[in-house]
């Protein structure tokens, strides 16, 4: 962002999406009676417009994801524009009592970063910033650790909402239980390093099914990290379901028994 211009982007592991561009005329800051006040008034209006737009975008994202999802919000600008925006965010959170905004401020979700401009081409330099890289890495691992904790908690409950193992998880995905509304596929990156091409394609297909078709969350965990090693102990793949599925093994056995015998006379 820069004075009068803000690009609101959503950054994922695979792509950057421009959600909205905000432009508000801000008078130049000049000396003289009233001129500085005009600039400050225009800047305040700009900040308010950007904040309203940002909150609408965040609410839209939350409709498709777990409301407890924790992610950083990068505020990048030349000069003090981003710092001024964060100041207004904090003041607005207190003044309006917006619970979502207050929660973002409380957990320090906003990160102020310097950029050469507010245009999209400056995004690459922002994402290469050491501070941003460390924060994004910490957030990623924190989320993965929390998901593994949630998985084990559900597994202990034994309510049919936590399954692990290749065949079991594939069955859950086929039944549409790893989709929107809290479904999560946890898969180890080691499965994609198989020497067998068919095996790698199997897992790529499963990931695409959950992410693109079912709308669920996919987390590829590194076997070098503690959460990834925990997943390795479960066969490298697990799932948190949106609805319970009971006794997959019994269902599979019933299906096998119902298969017609091959051979014999043709009808």
C-alpha atoms as a PDB file:
ATOM      1  CA  UNK A   1       0.000   0.000   0.000  1.00  0.00           C
ATOM      2  CA  UNK A   2       0.925   3.668  -0.344  1.00  0.00           C
ATOM      3  CA  UNK A   3      -1.022   6.867   0.238  1.00  0.00           C
ATOM      4  CA  UNK A   4      -4.221   6.593  -1.800  1.00  0.00           C
ATOM      5  CA  UNK A   5      -3.576   3.068  -3.112  1.00  0.00           C
ATOM      6  CA  UNK A   6      -3.920  -0.408  -1.607  1.00  0.00           C
ATOM      7  CA  UNK A   7      -3.839  -3.852  -3.207  1.00  0.00           C
ATOM      8  CA  UNK A   8      -5.474  -6.530  -1.056  1.00  0.00           C
ATOM      9  CA  UNK A   9      -3.996  -9.921  -1.914  1.00  0.00           C
ATOM     10  CA  UNK A  10      -4.554 -13.437  -0.624  1.00  0.00           C
ATOM     11  CA  UNK A  11      -1.342 -15.460  -0.633  1.00  0.00           C
ATOM     12  CA  UNK A  12      -1.400 -19.254  -0.532  1.00  0.00           C
ATOM     13  CA  UNK A  13       1.303 -21.862  -0.842  1.00  0.00           C
ATOM     14  CA  UNK A  14       0.623 -22.073  -4.572  1.00  0.00           C
ATOM     15  CA  UNK A  15      -0.569 -18.678  -5.773  1.00  0.00           C
ATOM     16  CA  UNK A  16      -1.185 -15.000  -5.057  1.00  0.00           C
ATOM     17  CA  UNK A  17      -4.666 -13.701  -5.771  1.00  0.00           C
ATOM     18  CA  UNK A  18      -5.506  -9.994  -6.011  1.00  0.00           C
ATOM     19  CA  UNK A  19      -8.815  -9.770  -4.158  1.00  0.00           C
ATOM     20  CA  UNK A  20      -9.409  -6.036  -4.498  1.00  0.00           C
ATOM     21  CA  UNK A  21      -7.714  -2.781  -5.412  1.00  0.00           C
ATOM     22  CA  UNK A  22      -8.593   0.326  -3.383  1.00  0.00           C
ATOM     23  CA  UNK A  23      -7.935   3.858  -4.604  1.00  0.00           C
ATOM     24  CA  UNK A  24      -8.878   7.004  -2.667  1.00  0.00           C
ATOM     25  CA  UNK A  25      -7.730  10.521  -3.487  1.00  0.00           C
ATOM     26  CA  UNK A  26      -5.470  11.900  -0.739  1.00  0.00           C
ATOM     27  CA  UNK A  27      -4.430  15.586  -1.029  1.00  0.00           C
ATOM     28  CA  UNK A  28      -0.692  16.169  -0.916  1.00  0.00           C
ATOM     29  CA  UNK A  29       0.738  17.261   2.395  1.00  0.00           C
ATOM     30  CA  UNK A  30       1.715  20.923   2.072  1.00  0.00           C
ATOM     31  CA  UNK A  31       2.612  23.682   4.450  1.00  0.00           C
ATOM     32  CA  UNK A  32       0.069  26.340   5.202  1.00  0.00           C
ATOM     33  CA  UNK A  33      -3.108  26.740   7.201  1.00  0.00           C
ATOM     34  CA  UNK A  34      -5.648  24.013   6.478  1.00  0.00           C
ATOM     35  CA  UNK A  35      -3.531  22.193   3.898  1.00  0.00           C
ATOM     36  CA  UNK A  36      -2.086  19.695   6.357  1.00  0.00           C
ATOM     37  CA  UNK A  37      -5.563  19.113   7.775  1.00  0.00           C
ATOM     38  CA  UNK A  38      -6.876  18.266   4.282  1.00  0.00           C
ATOM     39  CA  UNK A  39      -4.130  15.691   3.870  1.00  0.00           C
ATOM     40  CA  UNK A  40      -4.814  14.121   7.269  1.00  0.00           C
ATOM     41  CA  UNK A  41      -8.549  13.990   6.569  1.00  0.00           C
ATOM     42  CA  UNK A  42      -7.968  12.346   3.193  1.00  0.00           C
ATOM     43  CA  UNK A  43      -5.551   9.832   4.694  1.00  0.00           C
ATOM     44  CA  UNK A  44      -8.031   8.918   7.431  1.00  0.00           C
ATOM     45  CA  UNK A  45     -10.724   8.351   4.798  1.00  0.00           C
ATOM     46  CA  UNK A  46      -8.301   6.194   2.811  1.00  0.00           C
ATOM     47  CA  UNK A  47      -7.442   4.091   5.863  1.00  0.00           C
ATOM     48  CA  UNK A  48     -11.132   3.626   6.718  1.00  0.00           C
ATOM     49  CA  UNK A  49     -11.977   2.526   3.179  1.00  0.00           C
ATOM     50  CA  UNK A  50      -9.099   0.052   3.085  1.00  0.00           C
ATOM     51  CA  UNK A  51     -10.003  -1.369   6.502  1.00  0.00           C
ATOM     52  CA  UNK A  52     -13.678  -1.834   5.574  1.00  0.00           C
ATOM     53  CA  UNK A  53     -12.659  -3.569   2.352  1.00  0.00           C
ATOM     54  CA  UNK A  54     -10.103  -5.749   4.127  1.00  0.00           C
ATOM     55  CA  UNK A  55     -12.607  -6.882   6.751  1.00  0.00           C
ATOM     56  CA  UNK A  56     -15.157  -7.830   4.080  1.00  0.00           C
ATOM     57  CA  UNK A  57     -12.513  -9.933   2.351  1.00  0.00           C
ATOM     58  CA  UNK A  58     -11.500 -11.621   5.609  1.00  0.00           C
ATOM     59  CA  UNK A  59     -15.106 -12.414   6.475  1.00  0.00           C
ATOM     60  CA  UNK A  60     -15.544 -13.942   3.030  1.00  0.00           C
ATOM     61  CA  UNK A  61     -12.495 -16.144   3.552  1.00  0.00           C
ATOM     62  CA  UNK A  62     -13.702 -17.218   6.987  1.00  0.00           C
ATOM     63  CA  UNK A  63     -16.973 -18.482   5.502  1.00  0.00           C
ATOM     64  CA  UNK A  64     -14.995 -21.200   3.728  1.00  0.00           C
ATOM     65  CA  UNK A  65     -12.487 -21.956   6.486  1.00  0.00           C
ATOM     66  CA  UNK A  66     -12.349 -22.773  10.173  1.00  0.00           C
ATOM     67  CA  UNK A  67     -12.832 -19.485  12.052  1.00  0.00           C
ATOM     68  CA  UNK A  68      -9.886 -20.393  14.265  1.00  0.00           C
ATOM     69  CA  UNK A  69      -7.456 -20.320  11.331  1.00  0.00           C
ATOM     70  CA  UNK A  70      -4.512 -18.159  12.305  1.00  0.00           C
ATOM     71  CA  UNK A  71      -2.609 -16.334   9.584  1.00  0.00           C
ATOM     72  CA  UNK A  72      -0.492 -13.167   9.432  1.00  0.00           C
ATOM     73  CA  UNK A  73      -1.695 -10.054   7.626  1.00  0.00           C
ATOM     74  CA  UNK A  74       1.173  -8.193   5.989  1.00  0.00           C
ATOM     75  CA  UNK A  75       0.929  -4.397   5.798  1.00  0.00           C
ATOM     76  CA  UNK A  76       3.648  -3.277   3.396  1.00  0.00           C
ATOM     77  CA  UNK A  77       4.344   0.280   2.277  1.00  0.00           C
ATOM     78  CA  UNK A  78       7.036   2.876   1.717  1.00  0.00           C
ATOM     79  CA  UNK A  79       7.422   5.432   4.508  1.00  0.00           C
ATOM     80  CA  UNK A  80       4.972   5.333   7.406  1.00  0.00           C
ATOM     81  CA  UNK A  81       1.740   4.547   5.531  1.00  0.00           C
ATOM     82  CA  UNK A  82       1.457   0.967   6.810  1.00  0.00           C
ATOM     83  CA  UNK A  83       2.341   1.990  10.376  1.00  0.00           C
ATOM     84  CA  UNK A  84      -0.322   4.696  10.255  1.00  0.00           C
ATOM     85  CA  UNK A  85      -2.839   2.165   8.958  1.00  0.00           C
ATOM     86  CA  UNK A  86      -2.065  -0.217  11.813  1.00  0.00           C
ATOM     87  CA  UNK A  87      -2.549   2.634  14.292  1.00  0.00           C
ATOM     88  CA  UNK A  88      -6.013   3.295  12.856  1.00  0.00           C
ATOM     89  CA  UNK A  89      -6.803  -0.433  12.915  1.00  0.00           C
ATOM     90  CA  UNK A  90      -5.990  -0.580  16.630  1.00  0.00           C
ATOM     91  CA  UNK A  91      -8.038   2.528  17.406  1.00  0.00           C
ATOM     92  CA  UNK A  92     -10.999   1.252  15.368  1.00  0.00           C
ATOM     93  CA  UNK A  93     -10.943  -2.122  17.117  1.00  0.00           C
ATOM     94  CA  UNK A  94     -11.337  -0.373  20.474  1.00  0.00           C
ATOM     95  CA  UNK A  95     -13.843   2.247  19.335  1.00  0.00           C
ATOM     96  CA  UNK A  96     -16.205  -0.102  17.483  1.00  0.00           C
ATOM     97  CA  UNK A  97     -15.773  -3.180  19.664  1.00  0.00           C
ATOM     98  CA  UNK A  98     -15.405  -5.379  16.565  1.00  0.00           C
ATOM     99  CA  UNK A  99     -14.607  -8.820  18.024  1.00  0.00           C
ATOM    100  CA  UNK A 100     -12.937 -10.148  14.891  1.00  0.00           C
ATOM    101  CA  UNK A 101     -10.750  -7.064  14.562  1.00  0.00           C
ATOM    102  CA  UNK A 102      -9.954  -7.084  18.280  1.00  0.00           C
ATOM    103  CA  UNK A 103      -8.876 -10.725  18.030  1.00  0.00           C
ATOM    104  CA  UNK A 104      -6.563  -9.938  15.099  1.00  0.00           C
ATOM    105  CA  UNK A 105      -4.985  -7.069  17.038  1.00  0.00           C
ATOM    106  CA  UNK A 106      -4.708  -9.104  20.247  1.00  0.00           C
ATOM    107  CA  UNK A 107      -2.743 -11.921  18.616  1.00  0.00           C
ATOM    108  CA  UNK A 108      -0.527  -9.520  16.662  1.00  0.00           C
ATOM    109  CA  UNK A 109      -1.759 -10.786  13.301  1.00  0.00           C
ATOM    110  CA  UNK A 110      -0.657  -7.578  11.541  1.00  0.00           C
ATOM    111  CA  UNK A 111       2.971  -7.236  10.443  1.00  0.00           C
ATOM    112  CA  UNK A 112       4.268  -3.879   9.199  1.00  0.00           C
ATOM    113  CA  UNK A 113       6.902  -4.305   6.478  1.00  0.00           C
ATOM    114  CA  UNK A 114       8.746  -1.787   4.304  1.00  0.00           C
ATOM    115  CA  UNK A 115       8.256  -1.929   0.535  1.00  0.00           C
ATOM    116  CA  UNK A 116       9.454   0.318  -2.265  1.00  0.00           C
ATOM    117  CA  UNK A 117       5.878   1.052  -3.390  1.00  0.00           C
ATOM    118  CA  UNK A 118       2.267  -0.003  -2.979  1.00  0.00           C
ATOM    119  CA  UNK A 119       2.093  -1.608  -6.420  1.00  0.00           C
ATOM    120  CA  UNK A 120       1.884  -5.358  -6.972  1.00  0.00           C
ATOM    121  CA  UNK A 121       5.396  -5.642  -8.376  1.00  0.00           C
ATOM    122  CA  UNK A 122       6.732  -4.843  -4.878  1.00  0.00           C
ATOM    123  CA  UNK A 123       5.129  -7.974  -3.425  1.00  0.00           C
ATOM    124  CA  UNK A 124       8.095 -10.184  -4.305  1.00  0.00           C
ATOM    125  CA  UNK A 125      10.507  -8.071  -2.263  1.00  0.00           C
ATOM    126  CA  UNK A 126       8.077  -8.128   0.662  1.00  0.00           C
ATOM    127  CA  UNK A 127       7.790 -11.921   0.632  1.00  0.00           C
ATOM    128  CA  UNK A 128      11.580 -12.266   0.537  1.00  0.00           C
ATOM    129  CA  UNK A 129      11.981 -10.176   3.693  1.00  0.00           C
ATOM    130  CA  UNK A 130      13.693 -12.256   6.441  1.00  0.00           C
ATOM    131  CA  UNK A 131      11.125 -11.082   8.993  1.00  0.00           C
ATOM    132  CA  UNK A 132       8.238 -12.203   6.790  1.00  0.00           C
ATOM    133  CA  UNK A 133       9.860 -15.542   5.974  1.00  0.00           C
ATOM    134  CA  UNK A 134      10.374 -16.338   9.660  1.00  0.00           C
ATOM    135  CA  UNK A 135       6.822 -15.302  10.584  1.00  0.00           C
ATOM    136  CA  UNK A 136       5.241 -17.294   7.766  1.00  0.00           C
ATOM    137  CA  UNK A 137       7.300 -20.350   8.667  1.00  0.00           C
ATOM    138  CA  UNK A 138       6.345 -20.096  12.338  1.00  0.00           C
ATOM    139  CA  UNK A 139       2.665 -19.654  11.438  1.00  0.00           C
ATOM    140  CA  UNK A 140       2.714 -22.659   9.098  1.00  0.00           C
ATOM    141  CA  UNK A 141       4.270 -24.958  11.689  1.00  0.00           C
ATOM    142  CA  UNK A 142       2.019 -23.640  14.461  1.00  0.00           C
ATOM    143  CA  UNK A 143      -1.058 -24.414  12.363  1.00  0.00           C
ATOM    144  CA  UNK A 144       0.208 -27.898  11.507  1.00  0.00           C
ATOM    145  CA  UNK A 145       1.019 -28.666  15.144  1.00  0.00           C
ATOM    146  CA  UNK A 146      -2.450 -27.489  16.192  1.00  0.00           C
ATOM    147  CA  UNK A 147      -4.070 -29.695  13.536  1.00  0.00           C
ATOM    148  CA  UNK A 148      -2.133 -32.758  14.671  1.00  0.00           C
ATOM    149  CA  UNK A 149      -3.189 -32.046  18.263  1.00  0.00           C
ATOM    150  CA  UNK A 150      -6.807 -31.741  17.095  1.00  0.00           C
ATOM    151  CA  UNK A 151      -6.526 -34.990  15.147  1.00  0.00           C
ATOM    152  CA  UNK A 152      -5.247 -36.934  18.158  1.00  0.00           C
ATOM    153  CA  UNK A 153      -7.939 -35.404  20.379  1.00  0.00           C
ATOM    154  CA  UNK A 154     -10.621 -36.611  17.951  1.00  0.00           C
ATOM    155  CA  UNK A 155      -8.927 -39.998  17.679  1.00  0.00           C
ATOM    156  CA  UNK A 156      -9.109 -40.395  21.462  1.00  0.00           C
ATOM    157  CA  UNK A 157     -12.809 -39.512  21.370  1.00  0.00           C
ATOM    158  CA  UNK A 158     -13.291 -42.321  18.847  1.00  0.00           C
ATOM    159  CA  UNK A 159     -16.313 -40.570  17.336  1.00  0.00           C
ATOM    160  CA  UNK A 160     -15.554 -41.420  13.709  1.00  0.00           C
ATOM    161  CA  UNK A 161     -14.195 -37.990  12.758  1.00  0.00           C
ATOM    162  CA  UNK A 162     -10.494 -38.900  12.688  1.00  0.00           C
ATOM    163  CA  UNK A 163      -9.062 -41.508  10.345  1.00  0.00           C
ATOM    164  CA  UNK A 164      -5.556 -42.387   9.229  1.00  0.00           C
ATOM    165  CA  UNK A 165      -3.933 -44.755   6.749  1.00  0.00           C
ATOM    166  CA  UNK A 166      -3.997 -44.643   2.923  1.00  0.00           C
ATOM    167  CA  UNK A 167      -7.076 -46.774   2.223  1.00  0.00           C
ATOM    168  CA  UNK A 168      -9.078 -45.363   5.116  1.00  0.00           C
ATOM    169  CA  UNK A 169      -8.420 -41.742   4.189  1.00  0.00           C
ATOM    170  CA  UNK A 170      -9.175 -42.362   0.510  1.00  0.00           C
ATOM    171  CA  UNK A 171     -12.507 -43.879   1.526  1.00  0.00           C
ATOM    172  CA  UNK A 172     -13.319 -40.810   3.629  1.00  0.00           C
ATOM    173  CA  UNK A 173     -12.531 -38.517   0.695  1.00  0.00           C
ATOM    174  CA  UNK A 174     -14.690 -40.633  -1.638  1.00  0.00           C
ATOM    175  CA  UNK A 175     -17.588 -40.226   0.796  1.00  0.00           C
ATOM    176  CA  UNK A 176     -17.182 -36.424   0.741  1.00  0.00           C
ATOM    177  CA  UNK A 177     -16.216 -36.207   4.406  1.00  0.00           C
ATOM    178  CA  UNK A 178     -13.024 -34.169   3.907  1.00  0.00           C
ATOM    179  CA  UNK A 179     -14.559 -31.036   2.439  1.00  0.00           C
ATOM    180  CA  UNK A 180     -15.823 -27.598   3.320  1.00  0.00           C
ATOM    181  CA  UNK A 181     -16.752 -26.887   6.894  1.00  0.00           C
ATOM    182  CA  UNK A 182     -13.696 -28.229   8.683  1.00  0.00           C
ATOM    183  CA  UNK A 183     -12.408 -31.143   6.620  1.00  0.00           C
ATOM    184  CA  UNK A 184      -8.604 -31.392   6.666  1.00  0.00           C
ATOM    185  CA  UNK A 185      -6.277 -33.716   4.775  1.00  0.00           C
ATOM    186  CA  UNK A 186      -2.894 -34.162   6.459  1.00  0.00           C
ATOM    187  CA  UNK A 187      -0.305 -35.742   4.187  1.00  0.00           C
ATOM    188  CA  UNK A 188       3.449 -36.179   4.522  1.00  0.00           C
ATOM    189  CA  UNK A 189       5.736 -34.775   1.862  1.00  0.00           C
ATOM    190  CA  UNK A 190       7.551 -38.131   1.886  1.00  0.00           C
ATOM    191  CA  UNK A 191       4.628 -39.704  -0.009  1.00  0.00           C
ATOM    192  CA  UNK A 192       5.355 -37.431  -2.960  1.00  0.00           C
ATOM    193  CA  UNK A 193       8.968 -38.602  -3.073  1.00  0.00           C
ATOM    194  CA  UNK A 194       8.095 -42.181  -3.957  1.00  0.00           C
ATOM    195  CA  UNK A 195      10.158 -43.706  -6.774  1.00  0.00           C
ATOM    196  CA  UNK A 196       6.941 -45.096  -8.248  1.00  0.00           C
ATOM    197  CA  UNK A 197       5.241 -42.598 -10.585  1.00  0.00           C
ATOM    198  CA  UNK A 198       1.811 -44.188 -10.103  1.00  0.00           C
ATOM    199  CA  UNK A 199       2.119 -43.785  -6.333  1.00  0.00           C
ATOM    200  CA  UNK A 200       2.990 -40.104  -6.636  1.00  0.00           C
ATOM    201  CA  UNK A 201       0.063 -39.553  -9.002  1.00  0.00           C
ATOM    202  CA  UNK A 202      -2.220 -41.301  -6.518  1.00  0.00           C
ATOM    203  CA  UNK A 203      -1.485 -38.730  -3.830  1.00  0.00           C
ATOM    204  CA  UNK A 204      -1.528 -35.751  -6.183  1.00  0.00           C
ATOM    205  CA  UNK A 205      -4.988 -36.850  -7.342  1.00  0.00           C
ATOM    206  CA  UNK A 206      -6.184 -37.170  -3.742  1.00  0.00           C
ATOM    207  CA  UNK A 207      -4.860 -33.711  -2.838  1.00  0.00           C
ATOM    208  CA  UNK A 208      -6.539 -32.172  -5.901  1.00  0.00           C
ATOM    209  CA  UNK A 209      -9.811 -33.915  -5.036  1.00  0.00           C
ATOM    210  CA  UNK A 210      -9.869 -32.491  -1.511  1.00  0.00           C
ATOM    211  CA  UNK A 211      -8.666 -29.004  -2.388  1.00  0.00           C
ATOM    212  CA  UNK A 212     -10.306 -28.333  -5.757  1.00  0.00           C
ATOM    213  CA  UNK A 213     -13.469 -30.461  -5.677  1.00  0.00           C
ATOM    214  CA  UNK A 214     -14.416 -30.894  -2.024  1.00  0.00           C
ATOM    215  CA  UNK A 215     -13.136 -27.512  -0.817  1.00  0.00           C
ATOM    216  CA  UNK A 216     -11.310 -28.964   2.168  1.00  0.00           C
ATOM    217  CA  UNK A 217      -8.017 -27.856   3.669  1.00  0.00           C
ATOM    218  CA  UNK A 218      -4.845 -29.674   2.627  1.00  0.00           C
ATOM    219  CA  UNK A 219      -1.668 -29.606   4.693  1.00  0.00           C
ATOM    220  CA  UNK A 220       1.520 -31.145   3.322  1.00  0.00           C
ATOM    221  CA  UNK A 221       3.663 -31.725   6.414  1.00  0.00           C
ATOM    222  CA  UNK A 222       7.436 -31.881   6.279  1.00  0.00           C
ATOM    223  CA  UNK A 223       8.960 -35.071   7.655  1.00  0.00           C
ATOM    224  CA  UNK A 224      11.769 -32.862   8.977  1.00  0.00           C
ATOM    225  CA  UNK A 225       9.387 -31.137  11.398  1.00  0.00           C
ATOM    226  CA  UNK A 226       7.929 -32.544  14.608  1.00  0.00           C
ATOM    227  CA  UNK A 227       4.324 -32.504  13.334  1.00  0.00           C
ATOM    228  CA  UNK A 228       5.425 -34.290  10.156  1.00  0.00           C
ATOM    229  CA  UNK A 229       7.200 -36.984  12.145  1.00  0.00           C
ATOM    230  CA  UNK A 230       4.045 -37.539  14.185  1.00  0.00           C
ATOM    231  CA  UNK A 231       2.147 -38.002  10.928  1.00  0.00           C
ATOM    232  CA  UNK A 232       4.796 -40.442   9.659  1.00  0.00           C
ATOM    233  CA  UNK A 233       3.887 -42.661  12.602  1.00  0.00           C
ATOM    234  CA  UNK A 234       0.349 -42.873  11.195  1.00  0.00           C
ATOM    235  CA  UNK A 235       1.461 -44.005   7.755  1.00  0.00           C
ATOM    236  CA  UNK A 236       2.022 -40.510   6.423  1.00  0.00           C
ATOM    237  CA  UNK A 237      -1.630 -39.623   5.882  1.00  0.00           C
ATOM    238  CA  UNK A 238      -4.598 -38.719   8.090  1.00  0.00           C
ATOM    239  CA  UNK A 239      -7.845 -36.771   7.889  1.00  0.00           C
ATOM    240  CA  UNK A 240     -10.153 -34.730  10.084  1.00  0.00           C
ATOM    241  CA  UNK A 241     -13.714 -35.200   8.842  1.00  0.00           C
ATOM    242  CA  UNK A 242     -16.675 -32.873   8.601  1.00  0.00           C
ATOM    243  CA  UNK A 243     -19.001 -35.693   9.645  1.00  0.00           C
ATOM    244  CA  UNK A 244     -18.335 -39.043  11.334  1.00  0.00           C
ATOM    245  CA  UNK A 245     -17.798 -42.275   9.437  1.00  0.00           C
ATOM    246  CA  UNK A 246     -18.045 -45.468  11.447  1.00  0.00           C
ATOM    247  CA  UNK A 247     -16.155 -48.715  10.874  1.00  0.00           C
ATOM    248  CA  UNK A 248     -14.730 -48.362   7.367  1.00  0.00           C
ATOM    249  CA  UNK A 249     -13.297 -51.897   7.471  1.00  0.00           C
ATOM    250  CA  UNK A 250     -16.743 -53.444   8.018  1.00  0.00           C
ATOM    251  CA  UNK A 251     -18.189 -51.406   5.169  1.00  0.00           C
ATOM    252  CA  UNK A 252     -15.448 -52.607   2.818  1.00  0.00           C
ATOM    253  CA  UNK A 253     -16.014 -56.231   3.831  1.00  0.00           C
ATOM    254  CA  UNK A 254     -19.761 -55.897   3.192  1.00  0.00           C
ATOM    255  CA  UNK A 255     -19.080 -54.473  -0.276  1.00  0.00           C
ATOM    256  CA  UNK A 256     -16.774 -57.394  -1.095  1.00  0.00           C
ATOM    257  CA  UNK A 257     -19.432 -59.907  -0.024  1.00  0.00           C
ATOM    258  CA  UNK A 258     -22.017 -58.209  -2.253  1.00  0.00           C
ATOM    259  CA  UNK A 259     -19.810 -58.498  -5.367  1.00  0.00           C
ATOM    260  CA  UNK A 260     -21.307 -61.050  -7.825  1.00  0.00           C
ATOM    261  CA  UNK A 261     -19.256 -64.144  -8.537  1.00  0.00           C
ATOM    262  CA  UNK A 262     -17.544 -64.212 -11.928  1.00  0.00           C
ATOM    263  CA  UNK A 263     -17.980 -67.110 -14.328  1.00  0.00           C
ATOM    264  CA  UNK A 264     -20.919 -69.459 -14.698  1.00  0.00           C
ATOM    265  CA  UNK A 265     -23.680 -69.249 -17.273  1.00  0.00           C
ATOM    266  CA  UNK A 266     -24.465 -65.967 -18.973  1.00  0.00           C
ATOM    267  CA  UNK A 267     -27.951 -64.625 -18.481  1.00  0.00           C
END
